[in-house]
Amino acid sequence: MTKKDYDIIAACIGAAQAKFWSGSVPKQVIDDISQRLILEFKLENSRFNESIFWDRVEYWRNSHSI
């Protein structure tokens, strides 16, 4: 996967988190999906940086709220 792929996925999670804050999506669903994706990213790419990924999720949540 490329950095662009990770960013697209971060954008999706950020949008889902924004929906959670509006009350329309259960937080546990978002957390479960996020943790599974991170596990897969780490297995696929040993250099995957979870901290940077969460920074991108936060960026998308704050900048592109739905």
C-alpha atoms as a PDB file:
ATOM      1  CA  MET A   1       0.000   0.000   0.000  1.00  0.00           C
ATOM      2  CA  THR A   2       1.078   3.555  -0.549  1.00  0.00           C
ATOM      3  CA  LYS A   3       0.944   6.587   1.727  1.00  0.00           C
ATOM      4  CA  LYS A   4      -2.036   7.746  -0.337  1.00  0.00           C
ATOM      5  CA  ASP A   5      -3.873   4.499   0.480  1.00  0.00           C
ATOM      6  CA  TYR A   6      -3.258   4.965   4.186  1.00  0.00           C
ATOM      7  CA  ASP A   7      -4.456   8.567   3.959  1.00  0.00           C
ATOM      8  CA  ILE A   8      -7.679   7.531   2.228  1.00  0.00           C
ATOM      9  CA  ILE A   9      -8.365   5.018   4.985  1.00  0.00           C
ATOM     10  CA  ALA A  10      -7.536   7.631   7.642  1.00  0.00           C
ATOM     11  CA  ALA A  11     -10.040   9.961   5.963  1.00  0.00           C
ATOM     12  CA  CYS A  12     -12.723   7.268   6.165  1.00  0.00           C
ATOM     13  CA  ILE A  13     -12.057   6.648   9.849  1.00  0.00           C
ATOM     14  CA  GLY A  14     -11.992  10.392  10.533  1.00  0.00           C
ATOM     15  CA  ALA A  15     -15.361  10.785   8.814  1.00  0.00           C
ATOM     16  CA  ALA A  16     -16.769   7.883  10.844  1.00  0.00           C
ATOM     17  CA  GLN A  17     -15.476   9.464  14.043  1.00  0.00           C
ATOM     18  CA  ALA A  18     -17.114  12.749  13.093  1.00  0.00           C
ATOM     19  CA  LYS A  19     -20.403  10.864  12.689  1.00  0.00           C
ATOM     20  CA  PHE A  20     -19.850   9.290  16.110  1.00  0.00           C
ATOM     21  CA  TRP A  21     -19.517  12.723  17.682  1.00  0.00           C
ATOM     22  CA  SER A  22     -22.825  13.679  16.057  1.00  0.00           C
ATOM     23  CA  GLY A  23     -24.396  10.584  17.650  1.00  0.00           C
ATOM     24  CA  SER A  24     -25.128   8.525  14.534  1.00  0.00           C
ATOM     25  CA  VAL A  25     -22.463   5.760  14.782  1.00  0.00           C
ATOM     26  CA  PRO A  26     -21.555   3.641  17.845  1.00  0.00           C
ATOM     27  CA  LYS A  27     -17.962   4.319  18.949  1.00  0.00           C
ATOM     28  CA  GLN A  28     -17.188   0.631  19.520  1.00  0.00           C
ATOM     29  CA  VAL A  29     -17.784  -0.103  15.825  1.00  0.00           C
ATOM     30  CA  ILE A  30     -15.266   2.567  14.807  1.00  0.00           C
ATOM     31  CA  ASP A  31     -12.722   1.395  17.387  1.00  0.00           C
ATOM     32  CA  ASP A  32     -12.998  -2.250  16.309  1.00  0.00           C
ATOM     33  CA  ILE A  33     -12.545  -1.440  12.625  1.00  0.00           C
ATOM     34  CA  SER A  34      -9.678   0.938  13.357  1.00  0.00           C
ATOM     35  CA  GLN A  35      -7.758  -1.565  15.470  1.00  0.00           C
ATOM     36  CA  ARG A  36      -8.192  -4.327  12.895  1.00  0.00           C
ATOM     37  CA  LEU A  37      -6.971  -2.059  10.092  1.00  0.00           C
ATOM     38  CA  ILE A  38      -3.927  -1.022  12.132  1.00  0.00           C
ATOM     39  CA  LEU A  39      -3.077  -4.661  12.815  1.00  0.00           C
ATOM     40  CA  GLU A  40      -3.264  -5.444   9.090  1.00  0.00           C
ATOM     41  CA  PHE A  41      -1.166  -2.380   8.210  1.00  0.00           C
ATOM     42  CA  LYS A  42       1.555  -3.454  10.651  1.00  0.00           C
ATOM     43  CA  LEU A  43       1.571  -6.990   9.254  1.00  0.00           C
ATOM     44  CA  GLU A  44       1.836  -5.693   5.705  1.00  0.00           C
ATOM     45  CA  ASN A  45       4.379  -2.947   6.347  1.00  0.00           C
ATOM     46  CA  SER A  46       6.905  -3.195   9.172  1.00  0.00           C
ATOM     47  CA  ARG A  47       7.567   0.548   8.878  1.00  0.00           C
ATOM     48  CA  PHE A  48       3.901   1.477   9.418  1.00  0.00           C
ATOM     49  CA  ASN A  49       3.725   4.217  12.055  1.00  0.00           C
ATOM     50  CA  GLU A  50       0.531   4.051  14.096  1.00  0.00           C
ATOM     51  CA  SER A  51       1.116   7.493  15.628  1.00  0.00           C
ATOM     52  CA  ILE A  52       1.340   9.173  12.235  1.00  0.00           C
ATOM     53  CA  PHE A  53      -1.750   7.292  11.103  1.00  0.00           C
ATOM     54  CA  TRP A  54      -3.752   8.554  14.111  1.00  0.00           C
ATOM     55  CA  ASP A  55      -2.509  12.083  13.415  1.00  0.00           C
ATOM     56  CA  ARG A  56      -3.983  11.776   9.902  1.00  0.00           C
ATOM     57  CA  VAL A  57      -7.261  10.421  11.304  1.00  0.00           C
ATOM     58  CA  GLU A  58      -7.459  13.410  13.636  1.00  0.00           C
ATOM     59  CA  TYR A  59      -6.669  15.789  10.793  1.00  0.00           C
ATOM     60  CA  TRP A  60      -9.514  14.376   8.695  1.00  0.00           C
ATOM     61  CA  ARG A  61     -11.913  14.337  11.643  1.00  0.00           C
ATOM     62  CA  ASN A  62     -11.222  17.972  12.466  1.00  0.00           C
ATOM     63  CA  SER A  63     -10.833  19.366   8.951  1.00  0.00           C
ATOM     64  CA  HIS A  64     -13.357  17.409   6.952  1.00  0.00           C
ATOM     65  CA  SER A  65     -16.215  16.674   9.309  1.00  0.00           C
ATOM     66  CA  ILE A  66     -19.380  15.412   7.727  1.00  0.00           C
END
